[in-house]
Amino acid sequence: TRPVQLKPEAETAAAPRQLRNSSATAAMSDMTNLPLEPPHDLETPICSCLNGNEGDNRGVRSVAIHNSDSDEAESTAFFSPWMAPHFSVRKVVQASGFLVLAATFVLAVADHQGLLTFSASDSAAIAKAHEAKATKVHVNHTHKSKEKEAEKEECFNAVPGDSCYGAVLWHKWIGLIEQPYAYDGNLTRESDRHNIQSWLHEKGRSGCRKPCKESISYPIPKAVHVGGPQIYCFSVARTGPEMDSMFMQRQTGTGIFACNGFDVYSDHEIDIDGYKTKLIPSTAAGVSVDRTAANSQVFMKTWMYILGSHWWYKYDFLAKVDPDAILFPERLRGHVAAHVGQNVFFLNCAVHAPAMYGAVEVFAKSALGAYQAAHGRCEQTLPFWSWGEDRFMQECLKMLGVIPVPDYTENVRDARCWGSDCGNKGAVAFHPFKAVNGWYRCYLASQ
């Protein structure tokens, strides 16, 4: 017996394909001289000698078997993790093909027997099922749409005229100032109208609904003009209580904001709920000889700012209104209607002497045209630096030939002249009310 001569391990690793060809040929040629192996040797695992490390007879058989089945081994390598050890690709392909042919045959027989053809009733049933499904989808979509609409309708900012709107303003400008302890710390003086409406909604008061997001501006009342003379109203306001009064008038749609045109002049640019104040150099003032504000220069500059434009002339009358004066423009129109187009201004107090008190000063546009043309004469002649602006304008206009019209009945109700009785339902104005809660209370009482 001759042992098989295998190549060294290093050469086998370096040239695997050469091992497959040359070693297999040598082994086959030498096998003719080998005795027959016992039958049990056919079951010897081939993995024990695949690398050619042993030169016995089983090694020769292993190499021969490895080389003869190499093509099939390579083709089944990919399927080895999923296939049983004794399966082959050929068997899998054959089985798959048989299944395909069987399925095709069954479908052909079924079609021939009419089993794949739907009857009219079957088609109707299928159509009905599809229709029911579509209806269900539509109902669900409609339900979701209604839910979204309901979510949108959940919030609602009160509008002027609603009981809720009036309640919000009352709590903002009266309740939170006079009784801050009544809100259990949930609201403060700085609380905005959204928060106040939300609080009223939670308490179930005044029919208030849940307000919308704070990014949505709270409604501002629009002035209702029923005709009559066109009136432009303005105030000069300093920061503090005077500016608070401007905010309150803006939010309630009262005072100067109920005129045909309005402006707030200040030495600070402030946004009053969407309206920006107009800047003037300064609002500082001293004390006049009449113990009132020596503010003539402040208003002289303001008047020239107004008269330097062209828009003011479209109004019939111009009214200067103090921030602490409560003005009812609709009542004022009845007092001036008979003097449209005349060169006049109005006196409103005669307790001491016929005079124009500065709480509310009303001028026809012709009177201010005269002042614009010849105000220099007044400034050179009159001691404006020691007077209040109301006295300066009264004496200046008289000097320029403007006619003063006495109007003492139901005009300005001033604490220094006639008294300020807020129960009066016909007075044009009330003065003075420097605190906003007092201002708004008097307005509501007269309204």
Foldseek 3Di string as FASTA:
>chain_A
DDWQDADDLVVCVVDVVCCLPVSLVSLVVVCVPDDDDDVVLVPPDLVPQCSPPDGDPSNSVSSNVCSVCVVQCVVCVVVVVPDDPPDGPVVVVVVVVVVVVVVVVVVVVCVVVVVPPDDPVRVVVVVVVVVVVVVVVVVVVVVVVVVVVVVVVQADFDEPPAQLLVVLLCCQAAVQVPPVVVLVPQDHNPDDSLSSLCSCCVVVPSVRGRHDDPVDQHDWDAADDPDFFAEEEEEEAEPDLLVVLVLSCRRPCFDRSNGNHYAYEYCDFDQNSNDTHHYDPHQDFDAAPVRHTLRQVVVVRVLCVVVVDDVVLVGFKYKYAYSQKGFDVVLVRVVCRVPRPALEWEFAFCPPHGFNDNRMTMGGVNLSVLCNVPVVVLVVPPPSSRDHNRVSSVVSSVVSVRYYDYDHPLEEAECVGVHFDLQAQRHRMYDGGSRSNSSVVSPVNND
